Every structure is written in structure tokens, then in C-alpha cells.
Amino acid sequence: MSDAMSVAESPQHVLKTRSPLWMMATVTGVFGLAYAYTVFSAIGALMQQATGAYPLTATGWIVLIAAIVVPVVIFAAIVAFGIRRTVGEYALLLLAGFAVAQVYWMNTLSLMLTSGCSFVSGNPFCG
């Protein structure tokens, strides 16, 4: 490496993918919107429960905040570790991660419907 070449220009700091970068960015953006929909649904559920007539318990806060954090962590991990794969492999990884995020969200919804009394305190109907 010559003295004239800066660190930003060195070939060691260039992102090397097997597919064109614009294609990877498009796939990332499309799946990012799908993951964002899951996160915004979880935020909506948290806001609805938190502003309800009965306060949330610690269990309710933990479960609903985890429903916000889990899809973000899955998406970030797949982008970090999968960006150097081909676009097809990368899309399949994002699809599998999205499926896991949706399963977690559906489990959260079913827990809210079947064990909703453990999420709130002071509800007279939750004997």
C-alpha cells in the first residue's frame, strides 16, 4: 500500500459481494419494509395496552418490548452476516428471518389473547 492511498481507499475496506450492490440494497429495502411493519404493529400494540384503562404489569412490558426488539435484532443480524452472499441466498435468509419474526409476533398476539390478564393489573374481570 502506498503512502498516497488513504485507509478509505484501501481494498481491504471495500464491501465485497457476489451480487451488484444496487440489487442487494433493493432486497434489503423491500425486506426492511416488511420487518418495519412488524415493528410498527408491535409498537401499536404496546401503545394500545399502555394507554388502556388498566396499567401494564412487568410481564406485559417485557413481552411487548421484546416484540419490538426481536425483529430489529433478527434483521440486523441477517444484514450483517448475509450481505456477502448472492442475492438469492440473501433474500432467502431475509425471508427465513422474517418468518421467525412473524412467528414470534403471532406468539405474542396469542399470549395477549389467552393470558391477557397477566399483562394488566387491577382488572376486575381477571379474578
N, C-alpha and C. Protein backbone atom coordinates (compact mmCIF):
# COMPACT_ATOMS: atom_id res chain seq x y z
N MET A 1 0.86 -1.17 0.00
CA MET A 1 0.00 0.00 0.00
C MET A 1 0.90 1.23 0.00
N SER A 2 0.63 2.14 -0.90
CA SER A 2 1.46 3.34 -1.00
C SER A 2 1.02 4.37 0.03
N ASP A 3 1.88 5.33 0.25
CA ASP A 3 1.57 6.38 1.22
C ASP A 3 0.44 7.28 0.74
N ALA A 4 0.26 7.38 -0.56
CA ALA A 4 -0.76 8.27 -1.11
C ALA A 4 -2.17 7.69 -0.95
N MET A 5 -2.30 6.38 -0.77
CA MET A 5 -3.60 5.75 -0.66
C MET A 5 -4.08 5.85 0.79
N SER A 6 -5.26 6.40 0.99
CA SER A 6 -5.79 6.54 2.34
C SER A 6 -6.46 5.23 2.77
N VAL A 7 -6.86 5.18 4.02
CA VAL A 7 -7.48 3.98 4.56
C VAL A 7 -8.82 3.72 3.88
N ALA A 8 -9.58 4.77 3.59
CA ALA A 8 -10.88 4.60 2.95
C ALA A 8 -10.76 4.04 1.54
N GLU A 9 -9.64 4.29 0.88
CA GLU A 9 -9.45 3.81 -0.48
C GLU A 9 -8.78 2.45 -0.54
N SER A 10 -8.32 1.94 0.57
CA SER A 10 -7.61 0.66 0.53
C SER A 10 -8.59 -0.46 0.19
N PRO A 11 -8.13 -1.45 -0.55
CA PRO A 11 -9.02 -2.53 -0.97
C PRO A 11 -9.53 -3.39 0.18
N GLN A 12 -8.95 -3.29 1.35
CA GLN A 12 -9.40 -4.08 2.49
C GLN A 12 -10.70 -3.55 3.07
N HIS A 13 -11.04 -2.29 2.81
CA HIS A 13 -12.23 -1.68 3.38
C HIS A 13 -13.38 -1.60 2.38
N VAL A 14 -13.32 -2.30 1.29
CA VAL A 14 -14.38 -2.28 0.30
C VAL A 14 -15.29 -3.48 0.56
N LEU A 15 -16.61 -3.24 0.58
CA LEU A 15 -17.58 -4.31 0.78
C LEU A 15 -17.61 -5.17 -0.47
N LYS A 16 -17.28 -6.44 -0.32
CA LYS A 16 -17.24 -7.33 -1.46
C LYS A 16 -18.46 -8.25 -1.40
N THR A 17 -19.31 -8.13 -2.40
CA THR A 17 -20.46 -9.01 -2.52
C THR A 17 -20.36 -9.75 -3.84
N ARG A 18 -21.10 -10.84 -3.93
CA ARG A 18 -21.12 -11.61 -5.17
C ARG A 18 -22.16 -11.08 -6.13
N SER A 19 -23.01 -10.17 -5.67
CA SER A 19 -24.07 -9.59 -6.48
C SER A 19 -23.89 -8.08 -6.53
N PRO A 20 -24.52 -7.42 -7.51
CA PRO A 20 -24.41 -5.96 -7.57
C PRO A 20 -24.97 -5.31 -6.31
N LEU A 21 -24.33 -4.25 -5.89
CA LEU A 21 -24.72 -3.58 -4.64
C LEU A 21 -26.13 -3.01 -4.72
N TRP A 22 -26.53 -2.50 -5.88
CA TRP A 22 -27.88 -1.95 -6.00
C TRP A 22 -28.94 -3.03 -5.81
N MET A 23 -28.65 -4.25 -6.26
CA MET A 23 -29.59 -5.35 -6.10
C MET A 23 -29.70 -5.75 -4.63
N MET A 24 -28.56 -5.79 -3.96
CA MET A 24 -28.57 -6.12 -2.53
C MET A 24 -29.31 -5.04 -1.73
N ALA A 25 -29.10 -3.78 -2.10
CA ALA A 25 -29.78 -2.68 -1.42
C ALA A 25 -31.29 -2.73 -1.65
N THR A 26 -31.71 -3.10 -2.85
CA THR A 26 -33.14 -3.20 -3.15
C THR A 26 -33.78 -4.32 -2.33
N VAL A 27 -33.14 -5.47 -2.28
CA VAL A 27 -33.66 -6.59 -1.49
C VAL A 27 -33.71 -6.21 -0.01
N THR A 28 -32.65 -5.56 0.46
CA THR A 28 -32.62 -5.12 1.86
C THR A 28 -33.75 -4.13 2.15
N GLY A 29 -33.99 -3.20 1.24
CA GLY A 29 -35.05 -2.22 1.43
C GLY A 29 -36.44 -2.83 1.45
N VAL A 30 -36.69 -3.75 0.54
CA VAL A 30 -38.01 -4.39 0.48
C VAL A 30 -38.27 -5.20 1.74
N PHE A 31 -37.30 -6.00 2.13
CA PHE A 31 -37.49 -6.77 3.36
C PHE A 31 -37.46 -5.88 4.60
N GLY A 32 -36.71 -4.79 4.54
CA GLY A 32 -36.71 -3.84 5.65
C GLY A 32 -38.09 -3.26 5.90
N LEU A 33 -38.84 -3.00 4.83
CA LEU A 33 -40.21 -2.51 4.99
C LEU A 33 -41.10 -3.56 5.65
N ALA A 34 -40.91 -4.82 5.29
CA ALA A 34 -41.70 -5.89 5.90
C ALA A 34 -41.38 -6.04 7.38
N TYR A 35 -40.08 -5.98 7.71
CA TYR A 35 -39.70 -6.03 9.13
C TYR A 35 -40.21 -4.81 9.88
N ALA A 36 -40.19 -3.65 9.24
CA ALA A 36 -40.67 -2.42 9.88
C ALA A 36 -42.17 -2.51 10.17
N TYR A 37 -42.92 -3.15 9.29
CA TYR A 37 -44.35 -3.33 9.54
C TYR A 37 -44.58 -4.15 10.81
N THR A 38 -43.77 -5.17 11.01
CA THR A 38 -43.87 -5.97 12.23
C THR A 38 -43.54 -5.14 13.46
N VAL A 39 -42.49 -4.33 13.36
CA VAL A 39 -42.10 -3.48 14.49
C VAL A 39 -43.19 -2.46 14.79
N PHE A 40 -43.75 -1.84 13.77
CA PHE A 40 -44.79 -0.84 14.00
C PHE A 40 -46.07 -1.47 14.54
N SER A 41 -46.36 -2.69 14.16
CA SER A 41 -47.51 -3.40 14.74
C SER A 41 -47.28 -3.65 16.23
N ALA A 42 -46.07 -4.02 16.59
CA ALA A 42 -45.75 -4.25 18.00
C ALA A 42 -45.79 -2.94 18.78
N ILE A 43 -45.32 -1.86 18.18
CA ILE A 43 -45.39 -0.55 18.85
C ILE A 43 -46.85 -0.15 19.06
N GLY A 44 -47.69 -0.39 18.05
CA GLY A 44 -49.11 -0.08 18.19
C GLY A 44 -49.77 -0.89 19.30
N ALA A 45 -49.43 -2.17 19.40
CA ALA A 45 -49.99 -3.00 20.46
C ALA A 45 -49.52 -2.52 21.83
N LEU A 46 -48.25 -2.14 21.93
CA LEU A 46 -47.73 -1.63 23.19
C LEU A 46 -48.43 -0.33 23.59
N MET A 47 -48.59 0.57 22.63
CA MET A 47 -49.25 1.85 22.93
C MET A 47 -50.72 1.64 23.32
N GLN A 48 -51.38 0.71 22.66
CA GLN A 48 -52.77 0.43 22.98
C GLN A 48 -52.90 -0.14 24.40
N GLN A 49 -52.01 -1.05 24.75
CA GLN A 49 -52.06 -1.64 26.08
C GLN A 49 -51.61 -0.65 27.16
N ALA A 50 -50.60 0.15 26.85
CA ALA A 50 -50.06 1.07 27.85
C ALA A 50 -51.01 2.22 28.15
N THR A 51 -51.83 2.62 27.19
CA THR A 51 -52.75 3.74 27.41
C THR A 51 -54.15 3.25 27.74
N GLY A 52 -54.30 1.98 28.05
CA GLY A 52 -55.60 1.42 28.39
C GLY A 52 -56.04 1.82 29.79
N ALA A 53 -57.21 1.32 30.16
CA ALA A 53 -57.78 1.66 31.46
C ALA A 53 -57.02 1.05 32.62
N TYR A 54 -56.33 -0.06 32.36
CA TYR A 54 -55.61 -0.76 33.42
C TYR A 54 -54.12 -0.75 33.10
N PRO A 55 -53.27 -0.51 34.11
CA PRO A 55 -51.82 -0.41 33.85
C PRO A 55 -51.21 -1.78 33.50
N LEU A 56 -50.16 -1.72 32.70
CA LEU A 56 -49.43 -2.94 32.34
C LEU A 56 -48.60 -3.44 33.51
N THR A 57 -48.49 -4.75 33.62
CA THR A 57 -47.60 -5.34 34.61
C THR A 57 -46.20 -5.43 34.00
N ALA A 58 -45.24 -5.87 34.82
CA ALA A 58 -43.87 -6.04 34.32
C ALA A 58 -43.83 -7.08 33.21
N THR A 59 -44.62 -8.13 33.33
CA THR A 59 -44.67 -9.16 32.28
C THR A 59 -45.17 -8.57 30.97
N GLY A 60 -46.19 -7.74 31.06
CA GLY A 60 -46.71 -7.10 29.86
C GLY A 60 -45.69 -6.21 29.18
N TRP A 61 -44.97 -5.42 29.96
CA TRP A 61 -43.93 -4.56 29.39
C TRP A 61 -42.83 -5.37 28.73
N ILE A 62 -42.37 -6.42 29.41
CA ILE A 62 -41.27 -7.23 28.88
C ILE A 62 -41.67 -7.92 27.57
N VAL A 63 -42.85 -8.52 27.55
CA VAL A 63 -43.29 -9.25 26.36
C VAL A 63 -43.50 -8.29 25.19
N LEU A 64 -44.11 -7.16 25.43
CA LEU A 64 -44.40 -6.23 24.34
C LEU A 64 -43.15 -5.49 23.86
N ILE A 65 -42.23 -5.18 24.74
CA ILE A 65 -40.97 -4.56 24.29
C ILE A 65 -40.13 -5.58 23.54
N ALA A 66 -40.15 -6.83 23.98
CA ALA A 66 -39.42 -7.87 23.25
C ALA A 66 -39.99 -8.06 21.85
N ALA A 67 -41.30 -7.88 21.69
CA ALA A 67 -41.90 -7.99 20.36
C ALA A 67 -41.44 -6.87 19.43
N ILE A 68 -40.98 -5.77 19.99
CA ILE A 68 -40.41 -4.68 19.20
C ILE A 68 -38.95 -4.96 18.88
N VAL A 69 -38.21 -5.46 19.83
CA VAL A 69 -36.76 -5.63 19.70
C VAL A 69 -36.38 -6.84 18.85
N VAL A 70 -37.12 -7.94 18.96
CA VAL A 70 -36.74 -9.18 18.28
C VAL A 70 -36.65 -9.02 16.75
N PRO A 71 -37.64 -8.43 16.06
CA PRO A 71 -37.49 -8.28 14.61
C PRO A 71 -36.31 -7.40 14.21
N VAL A 72 -36.02 -6.38 15.00
CA VAL A 72 -34.88 -5.49 14.70
C VAL A 72 -33.57 -6.26 14.82
N VAL A 73 -33.44 -7.06 15.86
CA VAL A 73 -32.22 -7.84 16.07
C VAL A 73 -32.06 -8.89 14.97
N ILE A 74 -33.14 -9.55 14.59
CA ILE A 74 -33.07 -10.55 13.52
C ILE A 74 -32.64 -9.90 12.22
N PHE A 75 -33.26 -8.77 11.86
CA PHE A 75 -32.92 -8.09 10.61
C PHE A 75 -31.47 -7.62 10.61
N ALA A 76 -31.03 -7.02 11.72
CA ALA A 76 -29.65 -6.54 11.79
C ALA A 76 -28.64 -7.68 11.69
N ALA A 77 -28.93 -8.80 12.33
CA ALA A 77 -28.02 -9.94 12.26
C ALA A 77 -27.94 -10.51 10.86
N ILE A 78 -29.07 -10.61 10.18
CA ILE A 78 -29.05 -11.16 8.83
C ILE A 78 -28.35 -10.22 7.87
N VAL A 79 -28.56 -8.92 8.01
CA VAL A 79 -27.86 -7.97 7.14
C VAL A 79 -26.36 -8.02 7.41
N ALA A 80 -25.97 -8.10 8.66
CA ALA A 80 -24.55 -8.11 8.99
C ALA A 80 -23.84 -9.37 8.48
N PHE A 81 -24.49 -10.50 8.62
CA PHE A 81 -23.83 -11.75 8.26
C PHE A 81 -24.17 -12.26 6.87
N GLY A 82 -25.23 -11.73 6.25
CA GLY A 82 -25.65 -12.27 4.96
C GLY A 82 -25.37 -11.39 3.76
N ILE A 83 -24.86 -10.19 3.96
CA ILE A 83 -24.68 -9.24 2.87
C ILE A 83 -23.65 -9.72 1.85
N ARG A 84 -22.76 -10.60 2.24
CA ARG A 84 -21.71 -11.05 1.33
C ARG A 84 -22.12 -12.28 0.51
N ARG A 85 -23.34 -12.71 0.64
CA ARG A 85 -23.83 -13.86 -0.12
C ARG A 85 -24.42 -13.39 -1.44
N THR A 86 -24.83 -14.35 -2.26
CA THR A 86 -25.51 -13.98 -3.51
C THR A 86 -26.88 -13.41 -3.17
N VAL A 87 -27.48 -12.71 -4.11
CA VAL A 87 -28.75 -12.05 -3.84
C VAL A 87 -29.85 -13.07 -3.53
N GLY A 88 -29.83 -14.23 -4.17
CA GLY A 88 -30.82 -15.26 -3.88
C GLY A 88 -30.69 -15.83 -2.48
N GLU A 89 -29.46 -16.14 -2.09
CA GLU A 89 -29.22 -16.64 -0.73
C GLU A 89 -29.60 -15.60 0.31
N TYR A 90 -29.24 -14.36 0.02
CA TYR A 90 -29.53 -13.26 0.94
C TYR A 90 -31.05 -13.06 1.10
N ALA A 91 -31.78 -13.13 -0.01
CA ALA A 91 -33.23 -12.99 0.04
C ALA A 91 -33.86 -14.14 0.83
N LEU A 92 -33.34 -15.35 0.65
CA LEU A 92 -33.86 -16.48 1.41
C LEU A 92 -33.57 -16.35 2.90
N LEU A 93 -32.39 -15.85 3.24
CA LEU A 93 -32.08 -15.60 4.65
C LEU A 93 -33.03 -14.57 5.25
N LEU A 94 -33.26 -13.48 4.51
CA LEU A 94 -34.18 -12.45 5.00
C LEU A 94 -35.60 -12.99 5.11
N LEU A 95 -36.01 -13.82 4.17
CA LEU A 95 -37.34 -14.42 4.23
C LEU A 95 -37.48 -15.35 5.43
N ALA A 96 -36.46 -16.15 5.68
CA ALA A 96 -36.50 -17.05 6.84
C ALA A 96 -36.51 -16.25 8.14
N GLY A 97 -35.71 -15.19 8.20
CA GLY A 97 -35.72 -14.34 9.39
C GLY A 97 -37.05 -13.65 9.58
N PHE A 98 -37.68 -13.22 8.48
CA PHE A 98 -39.00 -12.60 8.56
C PHE A 98 -40.03 -13.60 9.07
N ALA A 99 -39.92 -14.85 8.62
CA ALA A 99 -40.83 -15.88 9.11
C ALA A 99 -40.67 -16.09 10.61
N VAL A 100 -39.43 -16.08 11.09
CA VAL A 100 -39.19 -16.23 12.54
C VAL A 100 -39.77 -15.03 13.29
N ALA A 101 -39.59 -13.84 12.75
CA ALA A 101 -40.13 -12.64 13.40
C ALA A 101 -41.66 -12.69 13.43
N GLN A 102 -42.28 -13.18 12.36
CA GLN A 102 -43.73 -13.28 12.33
C GLN A 102 -44.24 -14.35 13.30
N VAL A 103 -43.52 -15.44 13.43
CA VAL A 103 -43.91 -16.47 14.40
C VAL A 103 -43.84 -15.90 15.81
N TYR A 104 -42.79 -15.14 16.10
CA TYR A 104 -42.69 -14.52 17.43
C TYR A 104 -43.83 -13.54 17.65
N TRP A 105 -44.18 -12.76 16.62
CA TRP A 105 -45.27 -11.79 16.76
C TRP A 105 -46.60 -12.52 16.95
N MET A 106 -46.84 -13.60 16.22
CA MET A 106 -48.08 -14.36 16.40
C MET A 106 -48.14 -15.01 17.78
N ASN A 107 -47.01 -15.46 18.30
CA ASN A 107 -46.99 -15.99 19.66
C ASN A 107 -47.31 -14.90 20.68
N THR A 108 -46.81 -13.70 20.44
CA THR A 108 -47.12 -12.58 21.33
C THR A 108 -48.61 -12.27 21.29
N LEU A 109 -49.19 -12.24 20.09
CA LEU A 109 -50.63 -11.98 19.97
C LEU A 109 -51.46 -13.06 20.65
N SER A 110 -51.08 -14.31 20.47
CA SER A 110 -51.84 -15.38 21.11
C SER A 110 -51.69 -15.33 22.63
N LEU A 111 -50.53 -14.96 23.11
CA LEU A 111 -50.35 -14.79 24.55
C LEU A 111 -51.21 -13.65 25.07
N MET A 112 -51.30 -12.57 24.30
CA MET A 112 -52.14 -11.44 24.71
C MET A 112 -53.62 -11.84 24.75
N LEU A 113 -54.04 -12.67 23.82
CA LEU A 113 -55.45 -13.07 23.77
C LEU A 113 -55.80 -14.11 24.83
N THR A 114 -54.91 -15.05 25.08
CA THR A 114 -55.23 -16.13 26.01
C THR A 114 -54.84 -15.81 27.45
N SER A 115 -53.80 -15.04 27.65
CA SER A 115 -53.34 -14.72 29.01
C SER A 115 -53.29 -13.22 29.22
N GLY A 116 -54.26 -12.52 28.69
CA GLY A 116 -54.26 -11.07 28.76
C GLY A 116 -54.30 -10.52 30.18
N CYS A 117 -54.85 -11.29 31.10
CA CYS A 117 -54.94 -10.83 32.48
C CYS A 117 -53.57 -10.76 33.15
N SER A 118 -52.61 -11.51 32.65
CA SER A 118 -51.26 -11.42 33.23
C SER A 118 -50.51 -10.18 32.73
N PHE A 119 -51.06 -9.51 31.72
CA PHE A 119 -50.43 -8.29 31.20
C PHE A 119 -50.88 -7.04 31.93
N VAL A 120 -52.07 -7.05 32.49
CA VAL A 120 -52.61 -5.85 33.14
C VAL A 120 -52.93 -6.14 34.59
N SER A 121 -52.94 -5.10 35.38
CA SER A 121 -53.28 -5.26 36.80
C SER A 121 -54.50 -4.41 37.12
N GLY A 122 -55.27 -4.87 38.07
CA GLY A 122 -56.43 -4.11 38.53
C GLY A 122 -57.70 -4.34 37.74
N ASN A 123 -57.69 -5.26 36.79
CA ASN A 123 -58.90 -5.53 36.01
C ASN A 123 -59.84 -6.38 36.84
N PRO A 124 -61.07 -5.90 37.08
CA PRO A 124 -61.98 -6.68 37.92
C PRO A 124 -62.45 -7.99 37.28
N PHE A 125 -62.33 -8.10 35.96
CA PHE A 125 -62.74 -9.32 35.27
C PHE A 125 -61.67 -10.40 35.30
N CYS A 126 -60.49 -10.07 35.79
CA CYS A 126 -59.39 -11.03 35.87
C CYS A 126 -59.23 -11.51 37.29
N GLY A 127 -60.21 -12.12 37.82
CA GLY A 127 -60.31 -12.60 39.17
C GLY A 127 -59.07 -12.93 39.82
